[in-house]
Amino acid sequence: MDYSDINSDKDTKLCVSSMDGMYMACVAGIKQQWRVAIWLLDNMTICHRHFVRFQPKRLKWYCKDGRYRVLAADNIGNVQIWDVDMGAQSNSECSYVSSSDSVMIKQTDWGENVPISNVEFGRSGDEVLVFSGYNVALAVWSVSERKCTQIFAQKFVTERGFSMHPGTGHLTVLTRPVSEDVITIYGGRSSDLSVMCSFTLTDLTDAQGFKWSTDGRWIAVYDWILDFKVAIYTPLGVLYRMFIMADSESTLGVSTIEWSPAGDFLAVGSFDGLVRCLNTVTFTPTLVMKHSSSIFTKYNVVYVEQVVPLGADYTRYERMHKYPFPAPQLMCTSITDSPPQTGINLIKFNANGTLLATLYDLTPTTIWIWSLKSSRLVSPISILVHLRAIKAVEWHPTLPNLLAISCVATKAHNPDAYQFGAQNWAENSRVVRIWNADWSAPYSFSVPNWPSTLQITRTSWILPSSDLEPAEQGKSQILIADQSSFLEARLDQDHEPEDEESKVQRLIDGVQQQEWVENSTASLDDTFEIPKYKVSV
């Protein structure tokens, strides 16, 4: 992996990259001298610099059809928006833009005691969604007209409570005006929204979130923790299917849902440690994936992260051969600690929908990777156990076999799994973890010159540029960052890091695989057991 120079400024308080990884916005300054710098990551230069009169607490990007906008907001009603000039890519020197070239929004009608909980771009770069604290209202601002429409009693300030239709871009909001939840679809101008469709969720007790399908045909809504219900609605609010688990099978409900990229699966993660993939014809489980704190079957490929020695470029994960293998669990260190959660809190499909990465709350250092190519058999193709808790996983946007993993400090502990000391935590705070389906094992890459006092908390892929030279087009670009520092790296995904140990292991694996193909007469039914389940719809 090749690395750029690190950008680190002790005055930097916040760094956020654009969705495609082309730009990085950074907030720096002290007292009343605050500035927002826009970095072009292709050549690691500042292309814009803006000065603001408030301390930005949030940075958000809009990136679509070649248009880039960035907004900065505080907690008391100030929102400032800038256009990022694409022509600045050709400039190697900094270009300074004054604050007069930006747009300022001030939300004052909520009162001084009502803070801002979230700010997001809406259906376009001209629309900004400002969410109040205490679920008072959602202000939908038109940047060009400097006017807004208020939506009251919004239920959530995150994407659980609002989204855009994937095709038409209609704003969809989940509200609870009285005693029942309501989903409303809005159209028209931001300053004068009109209701296109509104329907009450009478079949659910307390909706916890909704998501549009990727093809825009369905709205999936899931109920609260005590009712295992997923309701499927049409865009006109007609209830099409209700997926309900039998009481004897599960006492708790749904923790998260996710649609596949092609819209042919709805993955439902629940508090019983299962992920059920529903087909979009009958909305019944086609695939079932089971998670547990102990890994019993020898057919699972389990890798444990190793400490990267100081000065080493990388290290391989160690493959486990002894089962059952106890994954590190989240432990209560005090009688006042709340019991650890047991649900599925992360489900992510890869670019073509053939692989799925999941995270089980009870084992926060373990990531499960599943193959969805089979319509009958579902077993994890890889289970990765880390020294730290997993904060985020990012599939490559175009290469379906590449996965980047970010970790942070954790209370997870199980001495029977592996031993490590406090010094190992410091050494592994500067590594980037990459899983590639074509490699013999995952790898942890050590980032040179990364400050030992900082830990890498974010890794995200950068979309490939057409301007790259032929020698660089086979390398994947990745952004490595924490809250105040960042750098760019290029990974050659076609060439696995090679040493004597990996050469020997690859030879052994190849011989064993060939012997199994020639000598094995067992069928899949004799080797694997499909999880049993019972559902009612």
Protein backbone atom coordinates (compact mmCIF):
# COMPACT_ATOMS: atom_id res chain seq x y z
CA MET A 1 0.00 0.00 0.00
CA ASP A 2 1.32 3.46 -0.95
CA TYR A 3 0.61 6.41 1.37
CA SER A 4 0.48 10.16 0.87
CA ASP A 5 1.79 12.65 3.40
CA ILE A 6 -0.36 12.99 6.49
CA ASN A 7 -2.31 16.20 7.06
CA SER A 8 -2.43 16.94 10.77
CA ASP A 9 -3.23 20.24 12.47
CA LYS A 10 -3.59 20.55 16.22
CA ASP A 11 -6.24 23.26 15.69
CA THR A 12 -8.42 20.95 13.54
CA LYS A 13 -11.60 19.92 15.38
CA LEU A 14 -13.61 18.09 12.73
CA CYS A 15 -12.97 16.43 9.34
CA VAL A 16 -15.66 15.05 6.99
CA SER A 17 -15.09 13.73 3.45
CA SER A 18 -17.48 13.95 0.52
CA MET A 19 -19.44 10.83 -0.38
CA ASP A 20 -17.16 9.97 -3.31
CA GLY A 21 -13.97 10.79 -1.42
CA MET A 22 -12.98 13.63 -3.76
CA TYR A 23 -12.94 16.36 -1.10
CA MET A 24 -12.34 16.71 2.62
CA ALA A 25 -13.85 19.54 4.70
CA CYS A 26 -12.03 20.48 7.92
CA VAL A 27 -12.99 22.84 10.75
CA ALA A 28 -10.09 24.50 12.55
CA GLY A 29 -9.50 27.46 14.85
CA ILE A 30 -9.81 28.66 18.42
CA LYS A 31 -12.19 31.00 20.25
CA GLN A 32 -13.97 33.12 17.62
CA GLN A 33 -11.50 32.53 14.78
CA TRP A 34 -13.05 29.55 12.98
CA ARG A 35 -12.42 28.51 9.40
CA VAL A 36 -13.59 25.74 7.06
CA ALA A 37 -10.94 24.46 4.65
CA ILE A 38 -11.83 22.33 1.61
CA TRP A 39 -9.07 19.92 0.58
CA LEU A 40 -8.84 18.33 -2.86
CA LEU A 41 -7.70 14.81 -2.02
CA ASP A 42 -6.39 14.06 -5.49
CA ASN A 43 -3.33 16.26 -4.93
CA MET A 44 -3.77 17.01 -1.20
CA THR A 45 -4.11 20.78 -1.62
CA ILE A 46 -6.57 23.32 -0.22
CA CYS A 47 -8.91 24.57 -2.95
CA HIS A 48 -11.20 26.70 -0.76
CA ARG A 49 -10.96 28.36 2.62
CA HIS A 50 -13.87 30.06 4.39
CA PHE A 51 -14.07 31.97 7.68
CA VAL A 52 -17.17 31.68 9.88
CA ARG A 53 -18.41 33.57 12.95
CA PHE A 54 -19.59 30.49 14.82
CA GLN A 55 -18.03 27.17 15.78
CA PRO A 56 -19.29 24.49 13.37
CA LYS A 57 -20.38 21.30 15.10
CA ARG A 58 -21.53 19.49 11.94
CA LEU A 59 -20.26 19.24 8.38
CA LYS A 60 -22.34 17.66 5.60
CA TRP A 61 -21.75 17.18 1.88
CA TYR A 62 -23.97 17.17 -1.20
CA CYS A 63 -22.51 15.39 -4.22
CA LYS A 64 -24.57 14.65 -7.30
CA ASP A 65 -24.23 15.19 -11.05
CA GLY A 66 -20.83 16.82 -10.63
CA ARG A 67 -22.12 19.43 -8.15
CA TYR A 68 -20.53 19.73 -4.72
CA ARG A 69 -21.86 21.67 -1.76
CA VAL A 70 -20.82 21.63 1.87
CA LEU A 71 -22.71 22.96 4.89
CA ALA A 72 -21.53 23.81 8.38
CA ALA A 73 -23.91 24.13 11.33
CA ASP A 74 -23.78 24.72 15.07
CA ASN A 75 -26.28 23.77 17.78
CA ILE A 76 -28.10 27.10 18.11
CA GLY A 77 -29.52 27.71 14.66
CA ASN A 78 -26.66 28.81 12.38
CA VAL A 79 -26.26 27.01 9.04
CA GLN A 80 -23.84 28.17 6.32
CA ILE A 81 -23.56 26.62 2.84
CA TRP A 82 -20.83 26.92 0.21
CA ASP A 83 -20.50 25.78 -3.39
CA VAL A 84 -17.28 23.90 -4.14
CA ASP A 85 -15.91 24.90 -7.54
CA MET A 86 -14.95 21.87 -9.62
CA GLY A 87 -12.56 24.10 -11.59
CA ALA A 88 -10.37 24.31 -8.51
CA GLN A 89 -9.12 20.79 -9.28
CA SER A 90 -6.66 22.16 -11.80
CA ASN A 91 -5.14 24.66 -9.36
CA SER A 92 -2.13 23.52 -7.40
CA GLU A 93 -2.26 26.57 -5.13
CA CYS A 94 -4.83 27.56 -2.54
CA SER A 95 -7.74 29.72 -3.69
CA TYR A 96 -9.41 31.76 -0.97
CA VAL A 97 -13.11 32.46 -1.10
CA SER A 98 -14.76 35.00 1.18
CA SER A 99 -17.83 34.27 3.27
CA SER A 100 -19.87 36.63 1.10
CA ASP A 101 -19.97 33.92 -1.57
CA SER A 102 -21.90 31.58 0.72
CA VAL A 103 -25.49 31.33 1.93
CA MET A 104 -26.42 31.82 5.60
CA ILE A 105 -29.52 30.34 7.25
CA LYS A 106 -30.63 31.30 10.75
CA GLN A 107 -33.33 29.22 12.43
CA THR A 108 -34.86 31.52 15.06
CA ASP A 109 -38.56 30.70 15.39
CA TRP A 110 -37.99 27.63 17.61
CA GLY A 111 -36.77 29.70 20.50
CA GLU A 112 -33.38 29.92 22.19
CA ASN A 113 -33.88 26.78 24.29
CA VAL A 114 -34.56 24.45 21.33
CA PRO A 115 -31.25 23.23 19.84
CA ILE A 116 -30.52 21.79 16.41
CA SER A 117 -30.26 17.99 16.53
CA ASN A 118 -29.27 17.33 12.92
CA VAL A 119 -28.80 19.04 9.55
CA GLU A 120 -28.89 17.24 6.20
CA PHE A 121 -29.16 18.05 2.53
CA GLY A 122 -32.55 17.12 1.13
CA ARG A 123 -33.73 16.24 -2.35
CA SER A 124 -31.18 18.52 -4.02
CA GLY A 125 -28.30 20.81 -3.19
CA ASP A 126 -30.82 23.64 -2.91
CA GLU A 127 -32.76 21.93 -0.10
CA VAL A 128 -31.56 21.72 3.52
CA LEU A 129 -33.31 19.79 6.30
CA VAL A 130 -32.88 21.29 9.79
CA PHE A 131 -34.09 19.04 12.65
CA SER A 132 -34.93 20.55 16.02
CA GLY A 133 -34.27 19.02 19.39
CA TYR A 134 -37.13 17.49 21.41
CA ASN A 135 -38.89 16.53 18.10
CA VAL A 136 -40.48 19.96 17.83
CA ALA A 137 -40.26 20.40 14.06
CA LEU A 138 -38.38 19.76 10.86
CA ALA A 139 -37.60 22.88 8.79
CA VAL A 140 -37.24 22.24 5.04
CA TRP A 141 -35.28 25.20 3.67
CA SER A 142 -34.97 26.43 0.10
CA VAL A 143 -31.46 27.88 -0.15
CA SER A 144 -32.23 30.00 -3.22
CA GLU A 145 -35.50 31.44 -1.87
CA ARG A 146 -34.39 31.68 1.80
CA LYS A 147 -37.78 30.30 2.88
CA CYS A 148 -38.79 27.13 4.66
CA THR A 149 -41.71 24.79 5.30
CA GLN A 150 -42.18 23.33 8.79
CA ILE A 151 -43.09 19.68 9.40
CA PHE A 152 -44.13 19.10 13.00
CA ALA A 153 -43.84 16.06 15.29
CA GLN A 154 -41.10 14.26 13.33
CA LYS A 155 -40.25 11.04 15.16
CA PHE A 156 -36.51 10.67 14.50
CA VAL A 157 -33.75 13.04 13.44
CA THR A 158 -31.69 10.33 11.72
CA GLU A 159 -32.28 8.38 8.50
CA ARG A 160 -34.59 6.05 10.44
CA GLY A 161 -37.20 8.80 10.29
CA PHE A 162 -36.74 10.35 6.84
CA SER A 163 -35.51 9.42 3.36
CA MET A 164 -35.94 10.26 -0.33
CA HIS A 165 -37.64 8.15 -2.96
CA PRO A 166 -34.74 6.55 -4.90
CA GLY A 167 -36.28 7.41 -8.25
CA THR A 168 -38.29 10.61 -7.95
CA GLY A 169 -36.56 12.05 -4.88
CA HIS A 170 -39.80 12.75 -2.98
CA LEU A 171 -39.17 13.57 0.68
CA THR A 172 -40.66 10.94 3.01
CA VAL A 173 -40.99 11.60 6.75
CA LEU A 174 -42.14 9.47 9.69
CA THR A 175 -44.13 11.49 12.25
CA ARG A 176 -46.20 10.78 15.35
CA PRO A 177 -48.66 13.67 15.76
CA VAL A 178 -50.93 12.00 18.33
CA SER A 179 -51.03 8.32 19.26
CA GLU A 180 -50.28 6.64 15.91
CA ASP A 181 -47.38 6.83 13.50
CA VAL A 182 -47.85 8.46 10.10
CA ILE A 183 -45.72 8.32 6.94
CA THR A 184 -46.07 11.31 4.63
CA ILE A 185 -44.62 11.74 1.13
CA TYR A 186 -44.01 15.36 0.08
CA GLY A 187 -43.54 16.99 -3.31
CA GLY A 188 -43.29 20.49 -4.69
CA ARG A 189 -40.90 23.30 -3.83
CA SER A 190 -39.02 23.35 -0.54
CA SER A 191 -40.63 26.64 0.44
CA ASP A 192 -44.13 25.34 -0.32
CA LEU A 193 -44.26 21.56 0.17
CA SER A 194 -47.41 19.69 -0.84
CA VAL A 195 -48.57 16.34 0.52
CA MET A 196 -48.50 13.70 -2.22
CA CYS A 197 -49.57 10.81 0.01
CA SER A 198 -50.08 10.24 3.73
CA PHE A 199 -51.05 7.05 5.56
CA THR A 200 -51.34 5.94 9.19
CA LEU A 201 -49.46 2.85 10.39
CA THR A 202 -52.43 1.32 12.17
CA ASP A 203 -50.94 -2.19 12.04
CA LEU A 204 -47.84 -1.22 14.09
CA THR A 205 -47.59 -0.27 17.75
CA ASP A 206 -44.49 1.96 17.70
CA ALA A 207 -42.59 2.16 14.40
CA GLN A 208 -38.81 2.33 14.86
CA GLY A 209 -37.79 3.14 11.31
CA PHE A 210 -38.51 2.70 7.61
CA LYS A 211 -36.61 2.34 4.33
CA TRP A 212 -37.50 2.65 0.68
CA SER A 213 -36.56 -0.30 -1.51
CA THR A 214 -33.79 0.47 -3.98
CA ASP A 215 -36.23 0.21 -6.91
CA GLY A 216 -38.78 2.48 -5.22
CA ARG A 217 -41.59 -0.12 -5.22
CA TRP A 218 -41.90 -0.71 -1.46
CA ILE A 219 -41.64 0.97 1.91
CA ALA A 220 -40.53 -1.38 4.71
CA VAL A 221 -41.41 -0.32 8.28
CA TYR A 222 -40.39 -2.25 11.40
CA ASP A 223 -42.06 -2.20 14.82
CA TRP A 224 -40.68 -1.80 18.33
CA ILE A 225 -38.61 -4.32 20.26
CA LEU A 226 -41.55 -6.28 21.77
CA ASP A 227 -43.34 -6.93 18.45
CA PHE A 228 -41.55 -8.80 15.68
CA LYS A 229 -43.27 -7.10 12.74
CA VAL A 230 -42.11 -5.76 9.38
CA ALA A 231 -44.85 -4.11 7.33
CA ILE A 232 -44.45 -3.72 3.55
CA TYR A 233 -46.38 -0.81 2.02
CA THR A 234 -46.80 0.41 -1.54
CA PRO A 235 -45.93 4.07 -2.33
CA LEU A 236 -49.66 4.83 -2.07
CA GLY A 237 -49.83 3.50 1.49
CA VAL A 238 -51.50 0.15 0.80
CA LEU A 239 -50.37 -2.64 3.14
CA TYR A 240 -49.01 -5.38 0.86
CA ARG A 241 -47.47 -7.86 3.33
CA MET A 242 -46.90 -8.16 7.06
CA PHE A 243 -43.97 -10.34 8.14
CA ILE A 244 -44.61 -11.56 11.71
CA MET A 245 -42.58 -14.10 13.66
CA ALA A 246 -44.42 -16.65 15.79
CA ASP A 247 -44.33 -15.93 19.54
CA SER A 248 -42.72 -19.30 20.20
CA GLU A 249 -39.79 -18.48 17.94
CA SER A 250 -38.77 -15.03 19.15
CA THR A 251 -39.61 -12.89 22.16
CA LEU A 252 -37.93 -9.76 20.85
CA GLY A 253 -38.31 -7.76 17.68
CA VAL A 254 -36.39 -6.24 14.78
CA SER A 255 -33.18 -4.26 15.34
CA THR A 256 -32.43 -3.12 11.78
CA ILE A 257 -33.37 -3.68 8.13
CA GLU A 258 -31.50 -3.26 4.85
CA TRP A 259 -32.44 -3.64 1.16
CA SER A 260 -30.08 -5.35 -1.29
CA PRO A 261 -28.69 -3.18 -4.15
CA ALA A 262 -30.94 -4.87 -6.72
CA GLY A 263 -33.98 -4.77 -4.44
CA ASP A 264 -34.45 -8.56 -4.56
CA PHE A 265 -33.81 -9.07 -0.82
CA LEU A 266 -34.86 -7.36 2.39
CA ALA A 267 -32.42 -8.30 5.16
CA VAL A 268 -34.07 -8.21 8.61
CA GLY A 269 -31.74 -8.22 11.62
CA SER A 270 -33.32 -9.06 14.97
CA PHE A 271 -32.51 -9.20 18.67
CA ASP A 272 -32.36 -13.02 18.61
CA GLY A 273 -29.07 -12.92 16.67
CA LEU A 274 -30.56 -13.89 13.30
CA VAL A 275 -30.60 -12.16 9.92
CA ARG A 276 -33.49 -13.26 7.72
CA CYS A 277 -33.35 -12.34 4.03
CA LEU A 278 -36.90 -11.96 2.70
CA ASN A 279 -37.57 -12.34 -1.01
CA THR A 280 -39.56 -9.48 -2.54
CA VAL A 281 -42.23 -11.71 -4.09
CA THR A 282 -43.84 -13.20 -0.98
CA PHE A 283 -41.70 -11.44 1.67
CA THR A 284 -40.93 -14.70 3.46
CA PRO A 285 -37.45 -15.86 4.55
CA THR A 286 -35.35 -17.33 1.76
CA LEU A 287 -32.02 -17.21 3.62
CA VAL A 288 -31.36 -17.33 7.36
CA MET A 289 -28.03 -16.42 9.00
CA LYS A 290 -27.34 -17.29 12.62
CA HIS A 291 -24.87 -15.49 14.90
CA SER A 292 -23.57 -16.69 18.25
CA SER A 293 -20.92 -15.78 20.81
CA SER A 294 -19.20 -19.17 20.34
CA ILE A 295 -18.29 -20.48 16.91
CA PHE A 296 -18.72 -24.26 16.90
CA THR A 297 -18.62 -25.55 13.34
CA LYS A 298 -15.24 -26.24 11.77
CA TYR A 299 -16.55 -25.21 8.35
CA ASN A 300 -16.50 -21.55 9.36
CA VAL A 301 -13.25 -19.81 8.43
CA VAL A 302 -12.26 -17.79 11.50
CA TYR A 303 -9.40 -15.28 11.43
CA VAL A 304 -8.07 -13.44 14.49
CA GLU A 305 -6.30 -10.12 14.11
CA GLN A 306 -2.65 -10.13 15.14
CA VAL A 307 -0.63 -7.29 16.59
CA VAL A 308 1.29 -5.33 13.96
CA PRO A 309 4.89 -5.13 15.24
CA LEU A 310 6.35 -1.66 15.43
CA GLY A 311 8.09 -0.90 12.14
CA ALA A 312 6.32 -3.65 10.17
CA ASP A 313 4.32 -2.79 7.04
CA TYR A 314 1.56 -5.32 7.60
CA THR A 315 0.59 -8.54 9.31
CA ARG A 316 -1.72 -11.42 8.41
CA TYR A 317 -4.69 -12.48 10.48
CA GLU A 318 -4.17 -15.87 12.13
CA ARG A 319 -6.52 -18.62 11.00
CA MET A 320 -8.07 -20.62 13.84
CA HIS A 321 -8.10 -24.44 13.72
CA LYS A 322 -9.45 -25.20 17.21
CA TYR A 323 -13.19 -25.21 17.87
CA PRO A 324 -15.38 -24.17 19.56
CA PHE A 325 -13.88 -20.70 19.35
CA PRO A 326 -15.21 -18.14 21.91
CA ALA A 327 -15.47 -14.70 20.35
CA PRO A 328 -14.73 -11.76 22.71
CA GLN A 329 -17.96 -10.55 24.29
CA LEU A 330 -19.07 -7.21 25.66
CA MET A 331 -18.74 -7.59 29.42
CA CYS A 332 -20.33 -5.62 32.27
CA THR A 333 -17.56 -4.20 34.46
CA SER A 334 -19.86 -2.85 37.16
CA ILE A 335 -23.19 -3.77 38.72
CA THR A 336 -24.47 -0.39 37.55
CA ASP A 337 -23.79 -1.20 33.89
CA SER A 338 -26.81 -1.95 31.77
CA PRO A 339 -26.98 -5.47 30.26
CA PRO A 340 -25.26 -5.71 26.86
CA GLN A 341 -27.44 -5.61 23.77
CA THR A 342 -27.88 -8.80 21.79
CA GLY A 343 -29.21 -7.65 18.44
CA ILE A 344 -27.85 -7.22 14.92
CA ASN A 345 -26.87 -3.56 14.61
CA LEU A 346 -25.18 -3.52 11.19
CA ILE A 347 -26.09 -5.09 7.84
CA LYS A 348 -24.23 -4.08 4.67
CA PHE A 349 -24.45 -5.51 1.17
CA ASN A 350 -21.52 -5.27 -1.21
CA ALA A 351 -21.74 -3.52 -4.59
CA ASN A 352 -23.39 -6.37 -6.53
CA GLY A 353 -25.41 -7.86 -3.65
CA THR A 354 -23.53 -11.20 -3.53
CA LEU A 355 -21.85 -10.65 -0.13
CA LEU A 356 -23.19 -9.43 3.19
CA ALA A 357 -21.32 -8.09 6.24
CA THR A 358 -23.05 -8.20 9.63
CA LEU A 359 -22.21 -7.18 13.19
CA TYR A 360 -23.67 -8.82 16.30
CA ASP A 361 -23.97 -6.57 19.37
CA LEU A 362 -22.89 -9.25 21.85
CA THR A 363 -19.54 -9.72 20.03
CA PRO A 364 -18.58 -6.16 19.04
CA THR A 365 -15.09 -7.10 17.79
CA THR A 366 -16.30 -9.73 15.32
CA ILE A 367 -17.48 -9.12 11.76
CA TRP A 368 -19.36 -11.88 9.88
CA ILE A 369 -19.15 -12.10 6.08
CA TRP A 370 -21.75 -14.21 4.23
CA SER A 371 -22.16 -15.34 0.65
CA LEU A 372 -25.62 -14.99 -0.90
CA LYS A 373 -24.90 -16.82 -4.13
CA SER A 374 -26.67 -19.99 -2.98
CA SER A 375 -30.46 -20.02 -2.77
CA ARG A 376 -30.47 -22.74 -0.11
CA LEU A 377 -27.24 -22.93 1.88
CA VAL A 378 -26.08 -19.95 3.96
CA SER A 379 -22.88 -20.13 5.97
CA PRO A 380 -20.30 -17.44 6.70
CA ILE A 381 -17.37 -17.56 4.33
CA SER A 382 -15.24 -15.58 6.78
CA ILE A 383 -15.44 -14.48 10.42
CA LEU A 384 -12.95 -11.79 11.46
CA VAL A 385 -12.16 -11.28 15.16
CA HIS A 386 -10.35 -8.06 16.13
CA LEU A 387 -8.52 -6.60 19.09
CA ARG A 388 -10.87 -3.60 19.17
CA ALA A 389 -14.56 -3.01 18.67
CA ILE A 390 -15.71 -2.52 15.10
CA LYS A 391 -16.88 1.02 14.43
CA ALA A 392 -17.62 0.83 10.71
CA VAL A 393 -17.24 -1.39 7.65
CA GLU A 394 -17.09 -0.03 4.10
CA TRP A 395 -17.51 -2.09 0.95
CA HIS A 396 -15.74 -0.74 -2.12
CA PRO A 397 -18.32 1.13 -4.27
CA THR A 398 -17.36 -0.68 -7.51
CA LEU A 399 -15.19 -3.69 -6.55
CA PRO A 400 -17.46 -6.21 -4.77
CA ASN A 401 -14.66 -8.22 -3.10
CA LEU A 402 -13.00 -5.42 -1.10
CA LEU A 403 -13.95 -4.51 2.47
CA ALA A 404 -12.33 -1.93 4.79
CA ILE A 405 -12.83 -2.20 8.56
CA SER A 406 -12.46 0.55 11.21
CA CYS A 407 -12.04 -0.27 14.91
CA VAL A 408 -12.03 1.66 18.20
CA ALA A 409 -11.31 0.88 21.86
CA THR A 410 -13.76 -1.50 23.55
CA LYS A 411 -14.67 -3.27 26.80
CA ALA A 412 -14.99 -6.58 24.97
CA HIS A 413 -12.95 -9.28 26.64
CA ASN A 414 -12.64 -13.02 26.72
CA PRO A 415 -9.33 -14.46 28.00
CA ASP A 416 -10.08 -17.86 26.44
CA ALA A 417 -10.05 -16.39 22.93
CA TYR A 418 -6.59 -14.80 22.88
CA GLN A 419 -4.29 -12.78 25.08
CA PHE A 420 -3.06 -9.27 24.45
CA GLY A 421 -1.61 -6.47 26.56
CA ALA A 422 -2.19 -2.74 26.74
CA GLN A 423 0.85 -2.05 24.55
CA ASN A 424 -0.78 -3.96 21.70
CA TRP A 425 -3.71 -1.56 21.70
CA ALA A 426 -1.38 1.39 21.09
CA GLU A 427 0.44 -0.40 18.28
CA ASN A 428 -2.78 -1.40 16.53
CA SER A 429 -4.28 2.10 16.68
CA ARG A 430 -2.47 3.01 13.44
CA VAL A 431 -3.53 0.14 11.21
CA VAL A 432 -5.98 -0.22 8.33
CA ARG A 433 -7.77 -3.56 8.05
CA ILE A 434 -8.59 -4.93 4.59
CA TRP A 435 -10.48 -8.09 3.63
CA ASN A 436 -10.35 -9.29 0.04
CA ALA A 437 -12.29 -12.36 -1.11
CA ASP A 438 -9.46 -13.20 -3.52
CA TRP A 439 -6.74 -13.17 -0.84
CA SER A 440 -5.78 -16.14 1.31
CA ALA A 441 -6.26 -14.09 4.52
CA PRO A 442 -7.20 -10.57 5.66
CA TYR A 443 -4.41 -8.10 6.44
CA SER A 444 -3.74 -5.22 8.83
CA PHE A 445 -1.62 -2.52 7.18
CA SER A 446 0.44 -0.21 9.37
CA VAL A 447 0.22 3.47 8.38
CA PRO A 448 3.67 5.11 8.54
CA ASN A 449 4.17 8.42 10.36
CA TRP A 450 0.71 8.22 11.96
CA PRO A 451 0.89 9.90 15.42
CA SER A 452 0.98 7.35 18.23
CA THR A 453 -1.39 9.53 20.28
CA LEU A 454 -4.14 9.26 17.64
CA GLN A 455 -6.12 6.22 16.55
CA ILE A 456 -7.48 5.69 13.06
CA THR A 457 -11.25 5.76 13.38
CA ARG A 458 -12.43 6.07 9.77
CA THR A 459 -11.56 4.44 6.48
CA SER A 460 -13.57 5.11 3.33
CA TRP A 461 -13.06 4.30 -0.32
CA ILE A 462 -12.44 6.99 -2.92
CA LEU A 463 -14.14 6.59 -6.29
CA PRO A 464 -11.54 5.99 -9.04
CA SER A 465 -10.64 8.96 -11.21
CA SER A 466 -10.43 8.74 -15.01
CA ASP A 467 -7.32 10.94 -14.90
CA LEU A 468 -5.19 8.25 -13.23
CA GLU A 469 -2.20 6.93 -15.12
CA PRO A 470 -2.39 3.31 -16.36
CA ALA A 471 -0.01 2.09 -13.65
CA GLU A 472 -2.29 3.53 -10.96
CA GLN A 473 -5.66 2.43 -12.36
CA GLY A 474 -5.30 -1.04 -10.81
CA LYS A 475 -4.97 0.46 -7.34
CA SER A 476 -7.91 1.28 -5.08
CA GLN A 477 -7.80 4.63 -3.30
CA ILE A 478 -8.71 4.75 0.36
CA LEU A 479 -9.09 7.68 2.76
CA ILE A 480 -7.68 7.14 6.26
CA ALA A 481 -8.70 9.60 8.98
CA ASP A 482 -9.54 10.40 12.55
CA GLN A 483 -11.26 13.54 13.81
CA SER A 484 -8.32 15.87 13.06
CA SER A 485 -5.90 14.08 10.68
CA PHE A 486 -6.16 12.32 7.35
CA LEU A 487 -4.18 10.91 4.44
CA GLU A 488 -4.77 9.02 1.20
CA ALA A 489 -3.48 5.54 0.37
CA ARG A 490 -3.48 3.38 -2.75
CA LEU A 491 -4.03 -0.36 -2.40
CA ASP A 492 -3.06 -2.78 -5.16
CA GLN A 493 -5.92 -5.23 -4.71
CA ASP A 494 -4.65 -7.54 -7.49
CA HIS A 495 -1.44 -8.41 -5.62
CA GLU A 496 -1.69 -9.96 -2.19
CA PRO A 497 1.14 -9.17 0.27
CA GLU A 498 3.49 -12.13 0.04
CA ASP A 499 5.93 -13.67 2.49
CA GLU A 500 7.28 -17.15 3.09
CA GLU A 501 4.50 -18.05 5.54
CA SER A 502 1.71 -17.07 3.14
CA LYS A 503 3.39 -18.95 0.26
CA VAL A 504 3.54 -22.15 2.29
CA GLN A 505 -0.04 -21.74 3.53
CA ARG A 506 -1.34 -21.15 0.01
CA LEU A 507 0.41 -24.31 -1.19
CA ILE A 508 -1.08 -26.35 1.66
CA ASP A 509 -4.57 -24.97 1.06
CA GLY A 510 -4.31 -25.75 -2.65
CA VAL A 511 -3.24 -29.36 -2.05
CA GLN A 512 -5.95 -29.93 0.57
CA GLN A 513 -8.63 -28.44 -1.67
CA GLN A 514 -7.55 -30.67 -4.60
CA GLU A 515 -7.56 -33.79 -2.41
CA TRP A 516 -11.02 -32.96 -1.11
CA VAL A 517 -12.39 -32.51 -4.64
CA GLU A 518 -10.89 -35.84 -5.80
CA ASN A 519 -11.73 -37.97 -2.76
CA SER A 520 -14.86 -36.49 -1.21
CA THR A 521 -18.16 -38.22 -1.91
CA ALA A 522 -20.15 -36.26 0.67
CA SER A 523 -22.99 -34.05 -0.49
CA LEU A 524 -23.84 -30.64 0.85
CA ASP A 525 -26.78 -32.14 2.71
CA ASP A 526 -24.40 -34.49 4.57
CA THR A 527 -21.98 -31.71 5.44
CA PHE A 528 -24.10 -28.72 6.42
CA GLU A 529 -27.25 -28.24 8.40
CA ILE A 530 -29.68 -25.53 7.34
CA PRO A 531 -31.13 -23.49 10.25
CA LYS A 532 -34.76 -24.34 10.95
CA TYR A 533 -37.34 -21.64 11.46
CA LYS A 534 -41.06 -21.16 11.54
CA VAL A 535 -42.80 -17.99 10.45
CA SER A 536 -46.31 -16.74 10.01
CA VAL A 537 -47.19 -14.07 7.51
